[in-house]
N, C-alpha and C. Protein backbone atom coordinates (compact mmCIF):
# COMPACT_ATOMS: atom_id res chain seq x y z
N UNK A 1 0.84 -1.19 0.00
CA UNK A 1 0.00 0.00 0.00
C UNK A 1 0.89 1.25 0.00
N UNK A 2 0.49 2.27 -0.71
CA UNK A 2 1.25 3.50 -0.81
C UNK A 2 1.09 4.34 0.46
N UNK A 3 2.17 4.51 1.18
CA UNK A 3 2.18 5.25 2.44
C UNK A 3 2.40 6.75 2.24
N UNK A 4 2.74 7.18 1.03
CA UNK A 4 3.11 8.58 0.79
C UNK A 4 2.01 9.56 1.22
N UNK A 5 0.74 9.36 0.86
CA UNK A 5 -0.27 10.33 1.30
C UNK A 5 -0.37 10.46 2.82
N UNK A 6 -0.30 9.33 3.53
CA UNK A 6 -0.34 9.38 5.00
C UNK A 6 0.90 10.07 5.55
N UNK A 7 2.07 9.76 5.00
CA UNK A 7 3.31 10.40 5.44
C UNK A 7 3.23 11.91 5.25
N UNK A 8 2.77 12.33 4.09
CA UNK A 8 2.65 13.77 3.79
C UNK A 8 1.69 14.44 4.77
N UNK A 9 0.55 13.83 5.01
CA UNK A 9 -0.44 14.42 5.93
C UNK A 9 0.13 14.53 7.34
N UNK A 10 0.76 13.48 7.82
CA UNK A 10 1.31 13.47 9.19
C UNK A 10 2.41 14.51 9.33
N UNK A 11 3.35 14.55 8.40
CA UNK A 11 4.49 15.45 8.55
C UNK A 11 4.14 16.90 8.23
N UNK A 12 3.14 17.13 7.40
CA UNK A 12 2.66 18.51 7.20
C UNK A 12 2.04 19.03 8.50
N UNK A 13 1.27 18.17 9.16
CA UNK A 13 0.68 18.53 10.46
C UNK A 13 1.78 18.77 11.50
N UNK A 14 2.75 17.86 11.58
CA UNK A 14 3.82 17.99 12.57
C UNK A 14 4.62 19.27 12.36
N UNK A 15 4.76 19.69 11.13
CA UNK A 15 5.54 20.91 10.87
C UNK A 15 4.94 22.11 11.58
N UNK A 16 3.65 22.11 11.75
CA UNK A 16 2.98 23.24 12.40
C UNK A 16 3.15 23.23 13.92
N UNK A 17 3.71 22.15 14.46
CA UNK A 17 3.91 22.04 15.91
C UNK A 17 5.32 22.41 16.34
N UNK A 18 6.17 22.80 15.42
CA UNK A 18 7.57 23.04 15.73
C UNK A 18 7.81 24.45 16.30
N UNK A 19 6.89 24.94 17.06
CA UNK A 19 7.03 26.25 17.71
C UNK A 19 8.17 26.13 18.72
N UNK A 20 9.25 26.84 18.49
CA UNK A 20 10.39 26.78 19.38
C UNK A 20 11.45 25.78 18.93
N UNK A 21 11.19 25.06 17.87
CA UNK A 21 12.17 24.11 17.37
C UNK A 21 11.60 22.72 17.21
N UNK A 22 12.40 21.86 16.64
CA UNK A 22 11.96 20.50 16.33
C UNK A 22 11.57 19.68 17.53
N UNK A 23 12.24 19.90 18.66
CA UNK A 23 11.93 19.11 19.85
C UNK A 23 10.48 19.33 20.29
N UNK A 24 9.91 20.48 19.95
CA UNK A 24 8.53 20.77 20.33
C UNK A 24 7.55 19.79 19.68
N UNK A 25 7.88 19.29 18.51
CA UNK A 25 6.99 18.36 17.81
C UNK A 25 7.27 16.91 18.16
N UNK A 26 8.33 16.66 18.92
CA UNK A 26 8.75 15.28 19.17
C UNK A 26 7.66 14.41 19.83
N UNK A 27 6.97 14.87 20.89
CA UNK A 27 5.96 13.99 21.50
C UNK A 27 4.86 13.56 20.52
N UNK A 28 4.40 14.49 19.71
CA UNK A 28 3.36 14.14 18.74
C UNK A 28 3.93 13.29 17.62
N UNK A 29 5.18 13.56 17.23
CA UNK A 29 5.84 12.73 16.22
C UNK A 29 5.96 11.29 16.73
N UNK A 30 6.34 11.16 17.99
CA UNK A 30 6.44 9.84 18.59
C UNK A 30 5.08 9.15 18.60
N UNK A 31 4.05 9.87 19.00
CA UNK A 31 2.71 9.29 19.04
C UNK A 31 2.27 8.82 17.66
N UNK A 32 2.43 9.68 16.66
CA UNK A 32 1.93 9.34 15.33
C UNK A 32 2.77 8.29 14.61
N UNK A 33 4.10 8.41 14.70
CA UNK A 33 4.94 7.48 13.94
C UNK A 33 5.11 6.13 14.63
N UNK A 34 5.05 6.13 15.97
CA UNK A 34 5.25 4.89 16.73
C UNK A 34 3.91 4.24 17.08
N UNK A 35 3.03 4.99 17.73
CA UNK A 35 1.80 4.41 18.28
C UNK A 35 0.65 4.31 17.28
N UNK A 36 0.47 5.33 16.46
CA UNK A 36 -0.69 5.34 15.56
C UNK A 36 -0.41 4.57 14.27
N UNK A 37 0.66 4.95 13.56
CA UNK A 37 0.94 4.35 12.25
C UNK A 37 1.93 3.18 12.30
N UNK A 38 2.63 3.03 13.40
CA UNK A 38 3.59 1.93 13.58
C UNK A 38 4.65 1.90 12.47
N UNK A 39 5.10 3.09 12.05
CA UNK A 39 6.13 3.17 11.02
C UNK A 39 7.51 2.87 11.58
N UNK A 40 7.73 3.27 12.83
CA UNK A 40 9.02 3.04 13.49
C UNK A 40 8.75 2.66 14.94
N UNK A 41 9.78 2.15 15.60
CA UNK A 41 9.69 1.89 17.04
C UNK A 41 10.18 3.12 17.79
N UNK A 42 9.95 3.14 19.09
CA UNK A 42 10.47 4.25 19.91
C UNK A 42 11.98 4.34 19.79
N UNK A 43 12.65 3.23 19.86
CA UNK A 43 14.11 3.22 19.78
C UNK A 43 14.58 3.73 18.41
N UNK A 44 13.91 3.31 17.34
CA UNK A 44 14.29 3.79 16.01
C UNK A 44 14.10 5.30 15.91
N UNK A 45 13.01 5.81 16.47
CA UNK A 45 12.77 7.25 16.41
C UNK A 45 13.87 8.01 17.16
N UNK A 46 14.27 7.52 18.31
CA UNK A 46 15.36 8.15 19.06
C UNK A 46 16.64 8.12 18.23
N UNK A 47 16.91 7.00 17.58
CA UNK A 47 18.12 6.91 16.75
C UNK A 47 18.04 7.87 15.57
N UNK A 48 16.90 7.94 14.91
CA UNK A 48 16.75 8.89 13.79
C UNK A 48 16.95 10.32 14.28
N UNK A 49 16.34 10.65 15.41
CA UNK A 49 16.48 12.01 15.95
C UNK A 49 17.94 12.29 16.32
N UNK A 50 18.60 11.34 16.92
CA UNK A 50 20.00 11.51 17.29
C UNK A 50 20.88 11.70 16.07
N UNK A 51 20.61 10.95 15.03
CA UNK A 51 21.36 11.14 13.78
C UNK A 51 21.11 12.52 13.21
N UNK A 52 19.88 12.99 13.30
CA UNK A 52 19.56 14.35 12.84
C UNK A 52 20.31 15.40 13.62
N UNK A 53 20.53 15.15 14.90
CA UNK A 53 21.29 16.09 15.73
C UNK A 53 22.75 16.15 15.29
N UNK A 54 23.28 15.03 14.85
CA UNK A 54 24.69 14.97 14.48
C UNK A 54 24.95 15.45 13.06
N UNK A 55 23.95 15.37 12.20
CA UNK A 55 24.14 15.74 10.80
C UNK A 55 24.15 17.27 10.65
N UNK A 56 24.85 17.76 9.65
CA UNK A 56 24.82 19.21 9.40
C UNK A 56 23.41 19.67 9.01
N UNK A 57 23.11 20.90 9.31
CA UNK A 57 21.81 21.46 8.96
C UNK A 57 20.79 21.28 10.06
N UNK A 58 19.55 21.59 9.77
CA UNK A 58 18.50 21.46 10.79
C UNK A 58 18.37 20.02 11.28
N UNK A 59 18.19 19.86 12.59
CA UNK A 59 18.13 18.51 13.15
C UNK A 59 16.93 17.72 12.65
N UNK A 60 15.90 18.40 12.21
CA UNK A 60 14.73 17.66 11.75
C UNK A 60 14.82 17.25 10.29
N UNK A 61 16.02 17.37 9.71
CA UNK A 61 16.23 16.73 8.42
C UNK A 61 16.09 15.22 8.56
N UNK A 62 16.09 14.76 9.81
CA UNK A 62 15.92 13.33 10.08
C UNK A 62 14.57 12.81 9.61
N UNK A 63 13.63 13.69 9.33
CA UNK A 63 12.33 13.23 8.83
C UNK A 63 12.50 12.54 7.49
N UNK A 64 13.54 12.92 6.74
CA UNK A 64 13.81 12.24 5.46
C UNK A 64 14.16 10.78 5.70
N UNK A 65 14.87 10.49 6.78
CA UNK A 65 15.22 9.11 7.10
C UNK A 65 13.98 8.30 7.44
N UNK A 66 13.04 8.92 8.14
CA UNK A 66 11.78 8.22 8.43
C UNK A 66 11.03 7.97 7.13
N UNK A 67 10.95 8.98 6.27
CA UNK A 67 10.28 8.81 4.98
C UNK A 67 10.89 7.70 4.16
N UNK A 68 12.24 7.63 4.16
CA UNK A 68 12.93 6.58 3.41
C UNK A 68 12.67 5.22 4.03
N UNK A 69 12.66 5.16 5.34
CA UNK A 69 12.41 3.90 6.05
C UNK A 69 11.02 3.35 5.72
N UNK A 70 10.06 4.23 5.59
CA UNK A 70 8.67 3.81 5.37
C UNK A 70 8.36 3.60 3.89
N UNK A 71 8.85 4.50 3.02
CA UNK A 71 8.41 4.48 1.62
C UNK A 71 9.54 4.64 0.62
N UNK A 72 10.76 4.33 1.01
CA UNK A 72 11.87 4.38 0.07
C UNK A 72 12.25 5.80 -0.33
N UNK A 73 12.86 5.91 -1.50
CA UNK A 73 13.34 7.21 -1.99
C UNK A 73 12.19 8.21 -2.13
N UNK A 74 11.04 7.76 -2.59
CA UNK A 74 9.89 8.66 -2.73
C UNK A 74 9.50 9.25 -1.37
N UNK A 75 9.55 8.44 -0.33
CA UNK A 75 9.26 8.93 1.02
C UNK A 75 10.31 9.90 1.50
N UNK A 76 11.58 9.62 1.16
CA UNK A 76 12.69 10.50 1.56
C UNK A 76 12.59 11.87 0.92
N UNK A 77 11.92 11.96 -0.21
CA UNK A 77 11.71 13.24 -0.89
C UNK A 77 10.42 13.91 -0.41
N UNK A 78 9.35 13.13 -0.32
CA UNK A 78 8.03 13.69 0.02
C UNK A 78 7.95 14.20 1.45
N UNK A 79 8.53 13.47 2.40
CA UNK A 79 8.38 13.84 3.81
C UNK A 79 9.05 15.19 4.13
N UNK A 80 10.29 15.43 3.73
CA UNK A 80 10.86 16.75 4.02
C UNK A 80 10.09 17.89 3.35
N UNK A 81 9.62 17.67 2.13
CA UNK A 81 8.81 18.70 1.47
C UNK A 81 7.54 18.98 2.28
N UNK A 82 6.88 17.91 2.71
CA UNK A 82 5.66 18.08 3.51
C UNK A 82 5.97 18.73 4.84
N UNK A 83 7.14 18.44 5.40
CA UNK A 83 7.49 18.96 6.70
C UNK A 83 7.92 20.43 6.66
N UNK A 84 8.65 20.83 5.64
CA UNK A 84 9.18 22.20 5.60
C UNK A 84 8.28 23.19 4.87
N UNK A 85 7.51 22.74 3.89
CA UNK A 85 6.70 23.67 3.10
C UNK A 85 5.64 24.42 3.93
N UNK A 86 4.84 23.73 4.75
CA UNK A 86 3.82 24.48 5.50
C UNK A 86 4.40 25.54 6.43
N UNK A 87 5.45 25.20 7.17
CA UNK A 87 6.01 26.18 8.09
C UNK A 87 6.75 27.28 7.35
N UNK A 88 7.36 26.95 6.23
CA UNK A 88 8.01 27.98 5.42
C UNK A 88 7.00 28.99 4.91
N UNK A 89 5.90 28.50 4.39
CA UNK A 89 4.84 29.38 3.89
C UNK A 89 4.21 30.18 5.04
N UNK A 90 3.96 29.50 6.15
CA UNK A 90 3.40 30.15 7.33
C UNK A 90 4.32 31.27 7.83
N UNK A 91 5.62 30.99 7.90
CA UNK A 91 6.58 31.99 8.36
C UNK A 91 6.63 33.18 7.41
N UNK A 92 6.53 32.94 6.12
CA UNK A 92 6.52 34.02 5.14
C UNK A 92 5.31 34.93 5.34
N UNK A 93 4.15 34.32 5.48
CA UNK A 93 2.91 35.10 5.63
C UNK A 93 2.90 35.84 6.96
N UNK A 94 3.17 35.15 8.05
CA UNK A 94 3.15 35.78 9.38
C UNK A 94 4.25 36.83 9.49
N UNK A 95 5.43 36.54 8.92
CA UNK A 95 6.52 37.51 8.95
C UNK A 95 6.15 38.82 8.29
N UNK A 96 5.52 38.74 7.15
CA UNK A 96 5.09 39.97 6.46
C UNK A 96 4.00 40.70 7.26
N UNK A 97 3.06 39.94 7.80
CA UNK A 97 2.00 40.52 8.60
C UNK A 97 2.57 41.14 9.88
N UNK A 98 3.53 40.48 10.49
CA UNK A 98 4.12 40.94 11.75
C UNK A 98 4.80 42.30 11.57
N UNK A 99 5.44 42.50 10.43
CA UNK A 99 6.08 43.79 10.14
C UNK A 99 5.02 44.88 10.02
N UNK A 100 3.94 44.56 9.38
CA UNK A 100 2.84 45.55 9.23
C UNK A 100 2.18 45.89 10.56
N UNK A 101 2.23 44.96 11.50
CA UNK A 101 1.59 45.18 12.80
C UNK A 101 2.60 45.64 13.87
N UNK A 102 3.67 46.29 13.45
CA UNK A 102 4.74 46.70 14.37
C UNK A 102 4.23 47.56 15.52
N UNK A 103 3.25 48.38 15.31
CA UNK A 103 2.73 49.28 16.35
C UNK A 103 1.44 48.77 17.00
N UNK A 104 1.05 47.59 16.67
CA UNK A 104 -0.18 47.01 17.22
C UNK A 104 0.02 46.69 18.69
N UNK A 105 -0.87 47.13 19.58
CA UNK A 105 -0.66 46.94 21.02
C UNK A 105 -0.66 45.47 21.47
N UNK A 106 -1.29 44.58 20.74
CA UNK A 106 -1.37 43.17 21.13
C UNK A 106 -0.13 42.38 20.72
N UNK A 107 0.71 42.98 19.90
CA UNK A 107 1.88 42.26 19.38
C UNK A 107 2.79 41.76 20.51
N UNK A 108 3.13 42.63 21.43
CA UNK A 108 4.01 42.25 22.54
C UNK A 108 3.35 41.19 23.42
N UNK A 109 2.06 41.31 23.65
CA UNK A 109 1.35 40.32 24.46
C UNK A 109 1.39 38.95 23.80
N UNK A 110 1.22 38.92 22.50
CA UNK A 110 1.27 37.65 21.77
C UNK A 110 2.67 37.04 21.87
N UNK A 111 3.69 37.88 21.68
CA UNK A 111 5.07 37.39 21.78
C UNK A 111 5.35 36.86 23.19
N UNK A 112 4.90 37.57 24.20
CA UNK A 112 5.11 37.13 25.58
C UNK A 112 4.37 35.83 25.89
N UNK A 113 3.26 35.59 25.23
CA UNK A 113 2.52 34.35 25.42
C UNK A 113 3.12 33.18 24.67
N UNK A 114 3.76 33.45 23.54
CA UNK A 114 4.35 32.38 22.75
C UNK A 114 5.65 31.84 23.35
N UNK A 115 6.40 32.68 24.03
CA UNK A 115 7.68 32.22 24.59
C UNK A 115 7.52 31.09 25.59
N UNK A 116 6.65 31.22 26.61
CA UNK A 116 6.50 30.08 27.52
C UNK A 116 5.84 28.87 26.85
N UNK A 117 5.02 29.12 25.84
CA UNK A 117 4.41 28.00 25.11
C UNK A 117 5.49 27.21 24.39
N UNK A 118 6.39 27.91 23.73
CA UNK A 118 7.50 27.25 23.03
C UNK A 118 8.36 26.49 24.03
N UNK A 119 8.65 27.08 25.17
CA UNK A 119 9.45 26.41 26.19
C UNK A 119 8.76 25.15 26.69
N UNK A 120 7.47 25.23 26.96
CA UNK A 120 6.71 24.06 27.41
C UNK A 120 6.71 22.94 26.38
N UNK A 121 6.54 23.29 25.12
CA UNK A 121 6.57 22.28 24.06
C UNK A 121 7.95 21.62 23.96
N UNK A 122 8.99 22.43 24.05
CA UNK A 122 10.35 21.88 23.98
C UNK A 122 10.64 20.97 25.17
N UNK A 123 10.21 21.38 26.37
CA UNK A 123 10.43 20.54 27.55
C UNK A 123 9.66 19.23 27.46
N UNK A 124 8.45 19.27 26.92
CA UNK A 124 7.67 18.04 26.73
C UNK A 124 8.40 17.12 25.76
N UNK A 125 8.95 17.69 24.70
CA UNK A 125 9.72 16.89 23.75
C UNK A 125 10.96 16.31 24.38
N UNK A 126 11.65 17.11 25.17
CA UNK A 126 12.85 16.65 25.84
C UNK A 126 12.54 15.48 26.79
N UNK A 127 11.47 15.59 27.54
CA UNK A 127 11.09 14.51 28.45
C UNK A 127 10.70 13.25 27.69
N UNK A 128 9.96 13.42 26.61
CA UNK A 128 9.54 12.27 25.80
C UNK A 128 10.76 11.58 25.19
N UNK A 129 11.66 12.36 24.63
CA UNK A 129 12.88 11.83 24.03
C UNK A 129 13.77 11.19 25.10
N UNK A 130 13.93 11.90 26.21
CA UNK A 130 14.82 11.44 27.27
C UNK A 130 14.40 10.15 27.91
N UNK A 131 13.10 9.95 28.09
CA UNK A 131 12.66 8.70 28.73
C UNK A 131 12.99 7.48 27.88
N UNK A 132 13.01 7.66 26.57
CA UNK A 132 13.42 6.55 25.71
C UNK A 132 14.93 6.47 25.61
N UNK A 133 15.59 7.60 25.41
CA UNK A 133 17.05 7.61 25.20
C UNK A 133 17.81 7.11 26.42
N UNK A 134 17.31 7.35 27.60
CA UNK A 134 18.06 6.96 28.81
C UNK A 134 17.76 5.55 29.28
N UNK A 135 17.00 4.80 28.52
CA UNK A 135 16.78 3.40 28.87
C UNK A 135 17.09 2.49 27.69
N UNK A 136 17.90 2.96 26.75
CA UNK A 136 18.22 2.18 25.56
C UNK A 136 19.28 1.11 25.79
N UNK A 137 19.97 1.14 26.91
CA UNK A 137 21.10 0.24 27.11
C UNK A 137 20.70 -1.22 27.23
N UNK A 138 21.70 -2.04 27.25
CA UNK A 138 21.48 -3.47 27.41
C UNK A 138 21.11 -3.78 28.85
N UNK A 139 20.42 -4.88 29.10
CA UNK A 139 19.99 -5.23 30.46
C UNK A 139 21.13 -5.32 31.47
N UNK A 140 22.34 -5.68 31.02
CA UNK A 140 23.45 -5.82 31.96
C UNK A 140 23.82 -4.50 32.63
N UNK A 141 23.49 -3.37 32.01
CA UNK A 141 23.83 -2.08 32.61
C UNK A 141 22.58 -1.33 33.09
N UNK A 142 21.44 -2.00 33.06
CA UNK A 142 20.20 -1.34 33.46
C UNK A 142 19.77 -1.79 34.85
N UNK A 143 19.46 -0.81 35.68
CA UNK A 143 18.92 -1.12 37.00
C UNK A 143 18.20 0.11 37.51
N UNK A 144 17.48 -0.01 38.59
CA UNK A 144 16.73 1.09 39.20
C UNK A 144 15.80 1.76 38.20
N UNK A 145 14.58 1.36 38.17
CA UNK A 145 13.51 1.83 37.29
C UNK A 145 13.88 1.81 35.81
N UNK A 146 14.70 0.88 35.40
CA UNK A 146 14.97 0.71 33.99
C UNK A 146 15.87 1.74 33.35
N UNK A 147 16.45 2.63 34.13
CA UNK A 147 17.35 3.62 33.54
C UNK A 147 18.68 2.99 33.21
N UNK A 148 19.26 3.41 32.13
CA UNK A 148 20.61 3.01 31.78
C UNK A 148 21.52 4.08 32.37
N UNK A 149 22.17 3.76 33.46
CA UNK A 149 22.92 4.76 34.21
C UNK A 149 24.16 5.25 33.48
N UNK A 150 24.68 4.45 32.59
CA UNK A 150 25.80 4.94 31.77
C UNK A 150 25.29 6.03 30.83
N UNK A 151 24.14 5.82 30.23
CA UNK A 151 23.55 6.84 29.35
C UNK A 151 23.20 8.10 30.15
N UNK A 152 22.69 7.93 31.37
CA UNK A 152 22.38 9.08 32.22
C UNK A 152 23.66 9.85 32.54
N UNK A 153 24.73 9.14 32.87
CA UNK A 153 26.01 9.79 33.18
C UNK A 153 26.55 10.52 31.96
N UNK A 154 26.43 9.91 30.79
CA UNK A 154 26.90 10.57 29.57
C UNK A 154 26.10 11.84 29.30
N UNK A 155 24.78 11.78 29.44
CA UNK A 155 23.94 12.95 29.22
C UNK A 155 24.28 14.05 30.22
N UNK A 156 24.48 13.69 31.49
CA UNK A 156 24.84 14.68 32.51
C UNK A 156 26.19 15.30 32.21
N UNK A 157 27.15 14.49 31.79
CA UNK A 157 28.48 15.00 31.44
C UNK A 157 28.39 16.01 30.30
N UNK A 158 27.65 15.67 29.26
CA UNK A 158 27.50 16.59 28.11
C UNK A 158 26.81 17.87 28.56
N UNK A 159 25.78 17.77 29.37
CA UNK A 159 25.08 18.95 29.87
C UNK A 159 26.04 19.87 30.64
N UNK A 160 26.80 19.31 31.57
CA UNK A 160 27.73 20.10 32.36
C UNK A 160 28.79 20.74 31.46
N UNK A 161 29.32 19.97 30.54
CA UNK A 161 30.35 20.51 29.64
C UNK A 161 29.81 21.66 28.79
N UNK A 162 28.59 21.52 28.31
CA UNK A 162 28.00 22.59 27.48
C UNK A 162 27.70 23.84 28.30
N UNK A 163 27.31 23.66 29.55
CA UNK A 163 26.98 24.82 30.39
C UNK A 163 28.22 25.48 30.99
N UNK A 164 29.28 24.73 31.23
CA UNK A 164 30.44 25.25 31.97
C UNK A 164 31.67 25.54 31.12
N UNK A 165 31.72 25.02 29.90
CA UNK A 165 32.93 25.22 29.09
C UNK A 165 32.56 25.72 27.70
N UNK A 166 33.57 25.99 26.94
CA UNK A 166 33.38 26.40 25.55
C UNK A 166 33.79 25.28 24.59
N UNK A 167 33.71 24.03 25.08
CA UNK A 167 34.12 22.89 24.27
C UNK A 167 33.24 22.79 23.02
N UNK A 168 33.86 22.38 21.94
CA UNK A 168 33.15 22.20 20.69
C UNK A 168 32.20 21.00 20.84
N UNK A 169 30.89 21.18 20.58
CA UNK A 169 29.94 20.07 20.74
C UNK A 169 30.29 18.87 19.88
N UNK A 170 30.95 19.09 18.75
CA UNK A 170 31.33 17.97 17.89
C UNK A 170 32.29 17.04 18.62
N UNK A 171 33.15 17.59 19.48
CA UNK A 171 34.06 16.75 20.25
C UNK A 171 33.29 15.90 21.26
N UNK A 172 32.24 16.48 21.84
CA UNK A 172 31.41 15.71 22.77
C UNK A 172 30.69 14.58 22.05
N UNK A 173 30.17 14.87 20.87
CA UNK A 173 29.50 13.84 20.07
C UNK A 173 30.48 12.73 19.74
N UNK A 174 31.67 13.10 19.29
CA UNK A 174 32.68 12.10 18.95
C UNK A 174 33.07 11.27 20.18
N UNK A 175 33.33 11.96 21.28
CA UNK A 175 33.73 11.26 22.51
C UNK A 175 32.65 10.32 23.01
N UNK A 176 31.42 10.77 23.02
CA UNK A 176 30.32 9.91 23.49
C UNK A 176 30.08 8.76 22.52
N UNK A 177 30.31 9.00 21.24
CA UNK A 177 30.20 7.92 20.27
C UNK A 177 31.22 6.82 20.54
N UNK A 178 32.45 7.23 20.88
CA UNK A 178 33.49 6.26 21.20
C UNK A 178 33.14 5.50 22.48
N UNK A 179 32.70 6.24 23.51
CA UNK A 179 32.30 5.58 24.76
C UNK A 179 31.15 4.61 24.48
N UNK A 180 30.18 5.06 23.71
CA UNK A 180 29.05 4.19 23.38
C UNK A 180 29.44 2.94 22.62
N UNK A 181 30.44 3.07 21.73
CA UNK A 181 30.89 1.91 20.95
C UNK A 181 31.44 0.82 21.86
N UNK A 182 32.10 1.22 22.92
CA UNK A 182 32.68 0.23 23.84
C UNK A 182 31.70 -0.20 24.93
N UNK A 183 30.80 0.68 25.31
CA UNK A 183 29.91 0.42 26.43
C UNK A 183 28.66 -0.34 26.04
N UNK A 184 28.08 0.00 24.91
CA UNK A 184 26.76 -0.54 24.54
C UNK A 184 26.84 -1.62 23.46
N UNK A 185 27.97 -2.32 23.35
CA UNK A 185 28.11 -3.36 22.34
C UNK A 185 27.15 -4.49 22.55
């Protein structure tokens, strides 16, 4: 059966949820791609998202990998178009309107209301992603409510390094990849 129409509909919808960034759409992406359509597993979605984080460009270019996984090359082309076109068009229209409404008294109120909304959406995505990512390890390293404590330690280390130093994030990705290669075999 041709999955392209369903893929296009789902990812066009998801594109409108990326207020504040791609992580904002992650919980709904997980629900639709894992629970509703069964295109990928939770673990596969985490891996696709992680690969998107490491690849150059926007992290949600990973939607092409989901499209390819589900519908081959046609899916790899259709899904990014469906994902980026609606928000691109929306940003163009709202951007032009926003300039025209520069002196409108409600403009600041709307902006002040959108900031915490974007933060809430991103935090929901982070929690959804994190609950899967931090329990991906093998059973030999998993204990206490199913958390993979090596993965938790790696995430904490990266967080501290990013907040406290000026280390290049690519070095952290490389280092954690090496640790993961030896730890999670």
